[in-house]
Amino acid sequence: MQGELPQICSFLFDIGLEVIDINFFKNPLPPEEIQKIIQQSQEESKKKTKEVQIAIQVQEEERKKIYTDERLGTDKEIIDRTFTKIKQITELAK
């Protein structure tokens, strides 16, 4: 276990859990403290998840806005070409 402890701590750090005291495994916290830490971690995780969801939503809205603006330009070009063709057909019919 002694050789695996640094690897465990490194893994926990990599997944976002900060290891404050290496002696934690030798002298674990009382269950109430552990529950409190878990609850705080879950609350922070929820906040970060919400922030990421908001950022994704804003980014998606911006992407839709840009796409809509491009489509309006494209639609305008299609309408202009259609009216040009109608004018040409009308002139040919005269």
PDB file of N, CA and C in Angstrom:
ATOM      1  N   MET A   1       0.827  -1.205   0.000  1.00  0.00           N
ATOM      2  CA  MET A   1       0.000   0.000   0.000  1.00  0.00           C
ATOM      3  C   MET A   1       0.857   1.249   0.000  1.00  0.00           C
ATOM      4  N   GLN A   2       2.005   1.192   0.670  1.00  0.00           N
ATOM      5  CA  GLN A   2       2.848   2.379   0.786  1.00  0.00           C
ATOM      6  C   GLN A   2       3.289   2.866  -0.594  1.00  0.00           C
ATOM      7  N   GLY A   3       3.632   1.934  -1.499  1.00  0.00           N
ATOM      8  CA  GLY A   3       4.059   2.318  -2.841  1.00  0.00           C
ATOM      9  C   GLY A   3       2.905   2.817  -3.694  1.00  0.00           C
ATOM     10  N   GLU A   4       1.703   2.380  -3.409  1.00  0.00           N
ATOM     11  CA  GLU A   4       0.538   2.772  -4.191  1.00  0.00           C
ATOM     12  C   GLU A   4      -0.039   4.110  -3.756  1.00  0.00           C
ATOM     13  N   LEU A   5       0.293   4.567  -2.557  1.00  0.00           N
ATOM     14  CA  LEU A   5      -0.290   5.794  -2.028  1.00  0.00           C
ATOM     15  C   LEU A   5      -0.039   7.004  -2.927  1.00  0.00           C
ATOM     16  N   PRO A   6       1.191   7.235  -3.394  1.00  0.00           N
ATOM     17  CA  PRO A   6       1.391   8.383  -4.294  1.00  0.00           C
ATOM     18  C   PRO A   6       0.572   8.266  -5.581  1.00  0.00           C
ATOM     19  N   GLN A   7       0.427   7.045  -6.096  1.00  0.00           N
ATOM     20  CA  GLN A   7      -0.371   6.851  -7.307  1.00  0.00           C
ATOM     21  C   GLN A   7      -1.839   7.156  -7.045  1.00  0.00           C
ATOM     22  N   ILE A   8      -2.333   6.731  -5.907  1.00  0.00           N
ATOM     23  CA  ILE A   8      -3.728   7.012  -5.545  1.00  0.00           C
ATOM     24  C   ILE A   8      -3.933   8.512  -5.413  1.00  0.00           C
ATOM     25  N   CYS A   9      -3.007   9.183  -4.720  1.00  0.00           N
ATOM     26  CA  CYS A   9      -3.119  10.635  -4.551  1.00  0.00           C
ATOM     27  C   CYS A   9      -3.051  11.341  -5.895  1.00  0.00           C
ATOM     28  N   SER A  10      -2.157  10.875  -6.769  1.00  0.00           N
ATOM     29  CA  SER A  10      -2.034  11.468  -8.098  1.00  0.00           C
ATOM     30  C   SER A  10      -3.328  11.282  -8.880  1.00  0.00           C
ATOM     31  N   PHE A  11      -3.918  10.084  -8.804  1.00  0.00           N
ATOM     32  CA  PHE A  11      -5.173   9.817  -9.496  1.00  0.00           C
ATOM     33  C   PHE A  11      -6.281  10.720  -8.977  1.00  0.00           C
ATOM     34  N   LEU A  12      -6.390  10.841  -7.650  1.00  0.00           N
ATOM     35  CA  LEU A  12      -7.429  11.692  -7.069  1.00  0.00           C
ATOM     36  C   LEU A  12      -7.246  13.132  -7.514  1.00  0.00           C
ATOM     37  N   PHE A  13      -6.013  13.590  -7.567  1.00  0.00           N
ATOM     38  CA  PHE A  13      -5.748  14.962  -8.011  1.00  0.00           C
ATOM     39  C   PHE A  13      -6.140  15.120  -9.477  1.00  0.00           C
ATOM     40  N   ASP A  14      -5.817  14.120 -10.300  1.00  0.00           N
ATOM     41  CA  ASP A  14      -6.140  14.172 -11.723  1.00  0.00           C
ATOM     42  C   ASP A  14      -7.637  14.253 -11.967  1.00  0.00           C
ATOM     43  N   ILE A  15      -8.435  13.612 -11.124  1.00  0.00           N
ATOM     44  CA  ILE A  15      -9.884  13.658 -11.333  1.00  0.00           C
ATOM     45  C   ILE A  15     -10.522  14.829 -10.600  1.00  0.00           C
ATOM     46  N   GLY A  16      -9.692  15.703 -10.056  1.00  0.00           N
ATOM     47  CA  GLY A  16     -10.225  16.932  -9.482  1.00  0.00           C
ATOM     48  C   GLY A  16     -10.355  16.941  -7.979  1.00  0.00           C
ATOM     49  N   LEU A  17      -9.929  15.898  -7.316  1.00  0.00           N
ATOM     50  CA  LEU A  17      -9.989  15.882  -5.856  1.00  0.00           C
ATOM     51  C   LEU A  17      -8.611  16.248  -5.321  1.00  0.00           C
ATOM     52  N   GLU A  18      -8.541  17.306  -4.559  1.00  0.00           N
ATOM     53  CA  GLU A  18      -7.258  17.710  -4.006  1.00  0.00           C
ATOM     54  C   GLU A  18      -6.983  16.906  -2.746  1.00  0.00           C
ATOM     55  N   VAL A  19      -5.813  16.346  -2.670  1.00  0.00           N
ATOM     56  CA  VAL A  19      -5.410  15.580  -1.498  1.00  0.00           C
ATOM     57  C   VAL A  19      -4.672  16.533  -0.579  1.00  0.00           C
ATOM     58  N   ILE A  20      -5.289  16.859   0.542  1.00  0.00           N
ATOM     59  CA  ILE A  20      -4.724  17.848   1.459  1.00  0.00           C
ATOM     60  C   ILE A  20      -3.708  17.202   2.396  1.00  0.00           C
ATOM     61  N   ASP A  21      -4.024  16.036   2.910  1.00  0.00           N
ATOM     62  CA  ASP A  21      -3.161  15.400   3.899  1.00  0.00           C
ATOM     63  C   ASP A  21      -2.920  13.957   3.491  1.00  0.00           C
ATOM     64  N   ILE A  22      -1.660  13.626   3.233  1.00  0.00           N
ATOM     65  CA  ILE A  22      -1.318  12.262   2.833  1.00  0.00           C
ATOM     66  C   ILE A  22      -1.629  11.293   3.978  1.00  0.00           C
ATOM     67  N   ASN A  23      -1.585  11.756   5.202  1.00  0.00           N
ATOM     68  CA  ASN A  23      -1.859  10.894   6.352  1.00  0.00           C
ATOM     69  C   ASN A  23      -3.346  10.575   6.492  1.00  0.00           C
ATOM     70  N   PHE A  24      -4.152  11.075   5.574  1.00  0.00           N
ATOM     71  CA  PHE A  24      -5.595  10.833   5.611  1.00  0.00           C
ATOM     72  C   PHE A  24      -5.902   9.343   5.674  1.00  0.00           C
ATOM     73  N   PHE A  25      -5.135   8.566   4.908  1.00  0.00           N
ATOM     74  CA  PHE A  25      -5.419   7.130   4.857  1.00  0.00           C
ATOM     75  C   PHE A  25      -5.018   6.433   6.154  1.00  0.00           C
ATOM     76  N   LYS A  26      -4.049   7.009   6.859  1.00  0.00           N
ATOM     77  CA  LYS A  26      -3.630   6.429   8.140  1.00  0.00           C
ATOM     78  C   LYS A  26      -4.581   6.851   9.258  1.00  0.00           C
ATOM     79  N   ASN A  27      -5.022   8.111   9.227  1.00  0.00           N
ATOM     80  CA  ASN A  27      -5.915   8.660  10.248  1.00  0.00           C
ATOM     81  C   ASN A  27      -7.151   9.244   9.563  1.00  0.00           C
ATOM     82  N   PRO A  28      -8.082   8.407   9.137  1.00  0.00           N
ATOM     83  CA  PRO A  28      -9.240   8.925   8.398  1.00  0.00           C
ATOM     84  C   PRO A  28     -10.102   9.858   9.253  1.00  0.00           C
ATOM     85  N   LEU A  29     -10.798  10.722   8.557  1.00  0.00           N
ATOM     86  CA  LEU A  29     -11.708  11.654   9.221  1.00  0.00           C
ATOM     87  C   LEU A  29     -12.936  10.908   9.730  1.00  0.00           C
ATOM     88  N   PRO A  30     -13.623  11.503  10.694  1.00  0.00           N
ATOM     89  CA  PRO A  30     -14.886  10.902  11.143  1.00  0.00           C
ATOM     90  C   PRO A  30     -15.913  10.919  10.001  1.00  0.00           C
ATOM     91  N   PRO A  31     -16.853   9.996  10.033  1.00  0.00           N
ATOM     92  CA  PRO A  31     -17.849   9.916   8.954  1.00  0.00           C
ATOM     93  C   PRO A  31     -18.592  11.230   8.703  1.00  0.00           C
ATOM     94  N   GLU A  32     -18.856  12.016   9.753  1.00  0.00           N
ATOM     95  CA  GLU A  32     -19.567  13.288   9.563  1.00  0.00           C
ATOM     96  C   GLU A  32     -18.740  14.249   8.715  1.00  0.00           C
ATOM     97  N   GLU A  33     -17.433  14.294   8.992  1.00  0.00           N
ATOM     98  CA  GLU A  33     -16.543  15.177   8.223  1.00  0.00           C
ATOM     99  C   GLU A  33     -16.459  14.722   6.772  1.00  0.00           C
ATOM    100  N   ILE A  34     -16.355  13.416   6.593  1.00  0.00           N
ATOM    101  CA  ILE A  34     -16.293  12.876   5.235  1.00  0.00           C
ATOM    102  C   ILE A  34     -17.576  13.214   4.489  1.00  0.00           C
ATOM    103  N   GLN A  35     -18.723  13.069   5.136  1.00  0.00           N
ATOM    104  CA  GLN A  35     -20.007  13.390   4.510  1.00  0.00           C
ATOM    105  C   GLN A  35     -20.068  14.863   4.141  1.00  0.00           C
ATOM    106  N   LYS A  36     -19.568  15.733   5.026  1.00  0.00           N
ATOM    107  CA  LYS A  36     -19.572  17.170   4.768  1.00  0.00           C
ATOM    108  C   LYS A  36     -18.694  17.505   3.558  1.00  0.00           C
ATOM    109  N   ILE A  37     -17.526  16.873   3.487  1.00  0.00           N
ATOM    110  CA  ILE A  37     -16.615  17.104   2.360  1.00  0.00           C
ATOM    111  C   ILE A  37     -17.253  16.626   1.061  1.00  0.00           C
ATOM    112  N   ILE A  38     -17.883  15.461   1.111  1.00  0.00           N
ATOM    113  CA  ILE A  38     -18.552  14.930  -0.083  1.00  0.00           C
ATOM    114  C   ILE A  38     -19.670  15.867  -0.521  1.00  0.00           C
ATOM    115  N   GLN A  39     -20.444  16.365   0.431  1.00  0.00           N
ATOM    116  CA  GLN A  39     -21.546  17.268   0.111  1.00  0.00           C
ATOM    117  C   GLN A  39     -21.024  18.565  -0.511  1.00  0.00           C
ATOM    118  N   GLN A  40     -19.951  19.128   0.063  1.00  0.00           N
ATOM    119  CA  GLN A  40     -19.365  20.351  -0.494  1.00  0.00           C
ATOM    120  C   GLN A  40     -18.847  20.097  -1.900  1.00  0.00           C
ATOM    121  N   SER A  41     -18.214  18.957  -2.094  1.00  0.00           N
ATOM    122  CA  SER A  41     -17.690  18.607  -3.409  1.00  0.00           C
ATOM    123  C   SER A  41     -18.824  18.472  -4.424  1.00  0.00           C
ATOM    124  N   GLN A  42     -19.928  17.854  -4.015  1.00  0.00           N
ATOM    125  CA  GLN A  42     -21.072  17.704  -4.914  1.00  0.00           C
ATOM    126  C   GLN A  42     -21.685  19.057  -5.257  1.00  0.00           C
ATOM    127  N   GLU A  43     -21.767  19.953  -4.275  1.00  0.00           N
ATOM    128  CA  GLU A  43     -22.320  21.287  -4.528  1.00  0.00           C
ATOM    129  C   GLU A  43     -21.437  22.058  -5.496  1.00  0.00           C
ATOM    130  N   GLU A  44     -20.115  21.986  -5.296  1.00  0.00           N
ATOM    131  CA  GLU A  44     -19.195  22.659  -6.208  1.00  0.00           C
ATOM    132  C   GLU A  44     -19.299  22.061  -7.604  1.00  0.00           C
ATOM    133  N   SER A  45     -19.437  20.746  -7.668  1.00  0.00           N
ATOM    134  CA  SER A  45     -19.570  20.071  -8.954  1.00  0.00           C
ATOM    135  C   SER A  45     -20.846  20.517  -9.667  1.00  0.00           C
ATOM    136  N   LYS A  46     -21.948  20.640  -8.915  1.00  0.00           N
ATOM    137  CA  LYS A  46     -23.207  21.105  -9.504  1.00  0.00           C
ATOM    138  C   LYS A  46     -23.065  22.524 -10.033  1.00  0.00           C
ATOM    139  N   LYS A  47     -22.387  23.395  -9.265  1.00  0.00           N
ATOM    140  CA  LYS A  47     -22.183  24.774  -9.705  1.00  0.00           C
ATOM    141  C   LYS A  47     -21.378  24.810 -10.994  1.00  0.00           C
ATOM    142  N   LYS A  48     -20.294  24.027 -11.032  1.00  0.00           N
ATOM    143  CA  LYS A  48     -19.457  24.008 -12.231  1.00  0.00           C
ATOM    144  C   LYS A  48     -20.221  23.429 -13.410  1.00  0.00           C
ATOM    145  N   THR A  49     -21.010  22.390 -13.155  1.00  0.00           N
ATOM    146  CA  THR A  49     -21.812  21.801 -14.226  1.00  0.00           C
ATOM    147  C   THR A  49     -22.803  22.828 -14.765  1.00  0.00           C
ATOM    148  N   LYS A  50     -23.444  23.576 -13.878  1.00  0.00           N
ATOM    149  CA  LYS A  50     -24.397  24.605 -14.288  1.00  0.00           C
ATOM    150  C   LYS A  50     -23.690  25.683 -15.106  1.00  0.00           C
ATOM    151  N   GLU A  51     -22.484  26.099 -14.662  1.00  0.00           N
ATOM    152  CA  GLU A  51     -21.727  27.106 -15.400  1.00  0.00           C
ATOM    153  C   GLU A  51     -21.394  26.605 -16.800  1.00  0.00           C
ATOM    154  N   VAL A  52     -21.001  25.345 -16.905  1.00  0.00           N
ATOM    155  CA  VAL A  52     -20.673  24.771 -18.209  1.00  0.00           C
ATOM    156  C   VAL A  52     -21.922  24.697 -19.080  1.00  0.00           C
ATOM    157  N   GLN A  53     -23.056  24.307 -18.490  1.00  0.00           N
ATOM    158  CA  GLN A  53     -24.301  24.241 -19.258  1.00  0.00           C
ATOM    159  C   GLN A  53     -24.692  25.616 -19.780  1.00  0.00           C
ATOM    160  N   ILE A  54     -24.540  26.646 -18.951  1.00  0.00           N
ATOM    161  CA  ILE A  54     -24.861  28.008 -19.378  1.00  0.00           C
ATOM    162  C   ILE A  54     -23.927  28.427 -20.504  1.00  0.00           C
ATOM    163  N   ALA A  55     -22.641  28.132 -20.365  1.00  0.00           N
ATOM    164  CA  ALA A  55     -21.673  28.492 -21.406  1.00  0.00           C
ATOM    165  C   ALA A  55     -22.006  27.788 -22.720  1.00  0.00           C
ATOM    166  N   ILE A  56     -22.377  26.514 -22.642  1.00  0.00           N
ATOM    167  CA  ILE A  56     -22.747  25.772 -23.852  1.00  0.00           C
ATOM    168  C   ILE A  56     -24.001  26.371 -24.469  1.00  0.00           C
ATOM    169  N   GLN A  57     -24.976  26.736 -23.642  1.00  0.00           N
ATOM    170  CA  GLN A  57     -26.218  27.316 -24.144  1.00  0.00           C
ATOM    171  C   GLN A  57     -25.948  28.651 -24.835  1.00  0.00           C
ATOM    172  N   VAL A  58     -25.121  29.490 -24.218  1.00  0.00           N
ATOM    173  CA  VAL A  58     -24.786  30.784 -24.822  1.00  0.00           C
ATOM    174  C   VAL A  58     -24.075  30.564 -26.146  1.00  0.00           C
ATOM    175  N   GLN A  59     -23.136  29.622 -26.165  1.00  0.00           N
ATOM    176  CA  GLN A  59     -22.401  29.331 -27.391  1.00  0.00           C
ATOM    177  C   GLN A  59     -23.351  28.823 -28.478  1.00  0.00           C
ATOM    178  N   GLU A  60     -24.288  27.972 -28.106  1.00  0.00           N
ATOM    179  CA  GLU A  60     -25.257  27.440 -29.067  1.00  0.00           C
ATOM    180  C   GLU A  60     -26.150  28.557 -29.615  1.00  0.00           C
ATOM    181  N   GLU A  61     -26.582  29.471 -28.744  1.00  0.00           N
ATOM    182  CA  GLU A  61     -27.406  30.591 -29.196  1.00  0.00           C
ATOM    183  C   GLU A  61     -26.628  31.488 -30.154  1.00  0.00           C
ATOM    184  N   GLU A  62     -25.354  31.722 -29.858  1.00  0.00           N
ATOM    185  CA  GLU A  62     -24.523  32.527 -30.753  1.00  0.00           C
ATOM    186  C   GLU A  62     -24.365  31.836 -32.104  1.00  0.00           C
ATOM    187  N   ARG A  63     -24.166  30.511 -32.068  1.00  0.00           N
ATOM    188  CA  ARG A  63     -24.018  29.762 -33.315  1.00  0.00           C
ATOM    189  C   ARG A  63     -25.302  29.845 -34.144  1.00  0.00           C
ATOM    190  N   LYS A  64     -26.452  29.694 -33.483  1.00  0.00           N
ATOM    191  CA  LYS A  64     -27.731  29.793 -34.191  1.00  0.00           C
ATOM    192  C   LYS A  64     -27.919  31.185 -34.767  1.00  0.00           C
ATOM    193  N   LYS A  65     -27.530  32.203 -34.001  1.00  0.00           N
ATOM    194  CA  LYS A  65     -27.672  33.583 -34.456  1.00  0.00           C
ATOM    195  C   LYS A  65     -26.835  33.816 -35.711  1.00  0.00           C
ATOM    196  N   ILE A  66     -25.592  33.330 -35.682  1.00  0.00           N
ATOM    197  CA  ILE A  66     -24.722  33.487 -36.851  1.00  0.00           C
ATOM    198  C   ILE A  66     -25.308  32.732 -38.032  1.00  0.00           C
ATOM    199  N   TYR A  67     -25.769  31.489 -37.798  1.00  0.00           N
ATOM    200  CA  TYR A  67     -26.346  30.691 -38.869  1.00  0.00           C
ATOM    201  C   TYR A  67     -27.582  31.380 -39.433  1.00  0.00           C
ATOM    202  N   THR A  68     -28.423  31.926 -38.562  1.00  0.00           N
ATOM    203  CA  THR A  68     -29.634  32.617 -39.006  1.00  0.00           C
ATOM    204  C   THR A  68     -29.270  33.830 -39.847  1.00  0.00           C
ATOM    205  N   ASP A  69     -28.291  34.611 -39.394  1.00  0.00           N
ATOM    206  CA  ASP A  69     -27.859  35.781 -40.162  1.00  0.00           C
ATOM    207  C   ASP A  69     -27.358  35.367 -41.538  1.00  0.00           C
ATOM    208  N   GLU A  70     -26.583  34.274 -41.598  1.00  0.00           N
ATOM    209  CA  GLU A  70     -26.090  33.794 -42.884  1.00  0.00           C
ATOM    210  C   GLU A  70     -27.247  33.338 -43.760  1.00  0.00           C
ATOM    211  N   ARG A  71     -28.206  32.649 -43.158  1.00  0.00           N
ATOM    212  CA  ARG A  71     -29.351  32.165 -43.923  1.00  0.00           C
ATOM    213  C   ARG A  71     -30.183  33.326 -44.453  1.00  0.00           C
ATOM    214  N   LEU A  72     -30.333  34.382 -43.660  1.00  0.00           N
ATOM    215  CA  LEU A  72     -31.092  35.532 -44.138  1.00  0.00           C
ATOM    216  C   LEU A  72     -30.428  36.121 -45.359  1.00  0.00           C
ATOM    217  N   GLY A  73     -29.110  36.200 -45.311  1.00  0.00           N
ATOM    218  CA  GLY A  73     -28.376  36.693 -46.477  1.00  0.00           C
ATOM    219  C   GLY A  73     -28.612  35.790 -47.672  1.00  0.00           C
ATOM    220  N   THR A  74     -28.567  34.499 -47.458  1.00  0.00           N
ATOM    221  CA  THR A  74     -28.780  33.532 -48.527  1.00  0.00           C
ATOM    222  C   THR A  74     -30.217  33.615 -49.029  1.00  0.00           C
ATOM    223  N   ASP A  75     -31.174  33.704 -48.118  1.00  0.00           N
ATOM    224  CA  ASP A  75     -32.573  33.831 -48.522  1.00  0.00           C
ATOM    225  C   ASP A  75     -32.782  35.095 -49.344  1.00  0.00           C
ATOM    226  N   LYS A  76     -32.144  36.193 -48.943  1.00  0.00           N
ATOM    227  CA  LYS A  76     -32.275  37.450 -49.685  1.00  0.00           C
ATOM    228  C   LYS A  76     -31.746  37.267 -51.101  1.00  0.00           C
ATOM    229  N   GLU A  77     -30.622  36.569 -51.227  1.00  0.00           N
ATOM    230  CA  GLU A  77     -30.073  36.326 -52.563  1.00  0.00           C
ATOM    231  C   GLU A  77     -31.038  35.488 -53.397  1.00  0.00           C
ATOM    232  N   ILE A  78     -31.649  34.482 -52.780  1.00  0.00           N
ATOM    233  CA  ILE A  78     -32.611  33.640 -53.502  1.00  0.00           C
ATOM    234  C   ILE A  78     -33.809  34.471 -53.947  1.00  0.00           C
ATOM    235  N   ILE A  79     -34.311  35.323 -53.074  1.00  0.00           N
ATOM    236  CA  ILE A  79     -35.453  36.183 -53.415  1.00  0.00           C
ATOM    237  C   ILE A  79     -35.075  37.128 -54.550  1.00  0.00           C
ATOM    238  N   ASP A  80     -33.888  37.730 -54.464  1.00  0.00           N
ATOM    239  CA  ASP A  80     -33.437  38.631 -55.530  1.00  0.00           C
ATOM    240  C   ASP A  80     -33.349  37.898 -56.864  1.00  0.00           C
ATOM    241  N   ARG A  81     -32.800  36.695 -56.872  1.00  0.00           N
ATOM    242  CA  ARG A  81     -32.703  35.932 -58.121  1.00  0.00           C
ATOM    243  C   ARG A  81     -34.086  35.574 -58.652  1.00  0.00           C
ATOM    244  N   THR A  82     -34.999  35.234 -57.735  1.00  0.00           N
ATOM    245  CA  THR A  82     -36.358  34.888 -58.157  1.00  0.00           C
ATOM    246  C   THR A  82     -37.035  36.086 -58.814  1.00  0.00           C
ATOM    247  N   PHE A  83     -36.934  37.269 -58.190  1.00  0.00           N
ATOM    248  CA  PHE A  83     -37.537  38.465 -58.782  1.00  0.00           C
ATOM    249  C   PHE A  83     -36.876  38.815 -60.110  1.00  0.00           C
ATOM    250  N   THR A  84     -35.579  38.612 -60.210  1.00  0.00           N
ATOM    251  CA  THR A  84     -34.885  38.876 -61.475  1.00  0.00           C
ATOM    252  C   THR A  84     -35.422  37.949 -62.564  1.00  0.00           C
ATOM    253  N   LYS A  85     -35.614  36.679 -62.235  1.00  0.00           N
ATOM    254  CA  LYS A  85     -36.154  35.732 -63.213  1.00  0.00           C
ATOM    255  C   LYS A  85     -37.581  36.101 -63.599  1.00  0.00           C
ATOM    256  N   ILE A  86     -38.391  36.524 -62.611  1.00  0.00           N
ATOM    257  CA  ILE A  86     -39.772  36.932 -62.902  1.00  0.00           C
ATOM    258  C   ILE A  86     -39.768  38.124 -63.846  1.00  0.00           C
ATOM    259  N   LYS A  87     -38.889  39.092 -63.600  1.00  0.00           N
ATOM    260  CA  LYS A  87     -38.795  40.269 -64.481  1.00  0.00           C
ATOM    261  C   LYS A  87     -38.394  39.852 -65.887  1.00  0.00           C
ATOM    262  N   GLN A  88     -37.429  38.930 -65.988  1.00  0.00           N
ATOM    263  CA  GLN A  88     -36.985  38.475 -67.307  1.00  0.00           C
ATOM    264  C   GLN A  88     -38.122  37.773 -68.050  1.00  0.00           C
ATOM    265  N   ILE A  89     -38.859  36.927 -67.345  1.00  0.00           N
ATOM    266  CA  ILE A  89     -39.974  36.211 -67.973  1.00  0.00           C
ATOM    267  C   ILE A  89     -41.065  37.197 -68.386  1.00  0.00           C
ATOM    268  N   THR A  90     -41.331  38.190 -67.535  1.00  0.00           N
ATOM    269  CA  THR A  90     -42.349  39.193 -67.847  1.00  0.00           C
ATOM    270  C   THR A  90     -41.948  39.981 -69.091  1.00  0.00           C
ATOM    271  N   GLU A  91     -40.677  40.345 -69.193  1.00  0.00           N
ATOM    272  CA  GLU A  91     -40.212  41.107 -70.362  1.00  0.00           C
ATOM    273  C   GLU A  91     -40.270  40.254 -71.619  1.00  0.00           C
ATOM    274  N   LEU A  92     -39.944  38.966 -71.494  1.00  0.00           N
ATOM    275  CA  LEU A  92     -40.013  38.081 -72.651  1.00  0.00           C
ATOM    276  C   LEU A  92     -41.458  37.879 -73.102  1.00  0.00           C
ATOM    277  N   ALA A  93     -42.391  37.889 -72.157  1.00  0.00           N
ATOM    278  CA  ALA A  93     -43.794  37.685 -72.483  1.00  0.00           C
ATOM    279  C   ALA A  93     -44.373  38.885 -73.214  1.00  0.00           C
ATOM    280  N   LYS A  94     -43.798  40.070 -73.018  1.00  0.00           N
ATOM    281  CA  LYS A  94     -44.340  41.272 -73.671  1.00  0.00           C
ATOM    282  C   LYS A  94     -44.041  41.236 -75.100  1.00  0.00           C
TER     283      LYS A  94
END
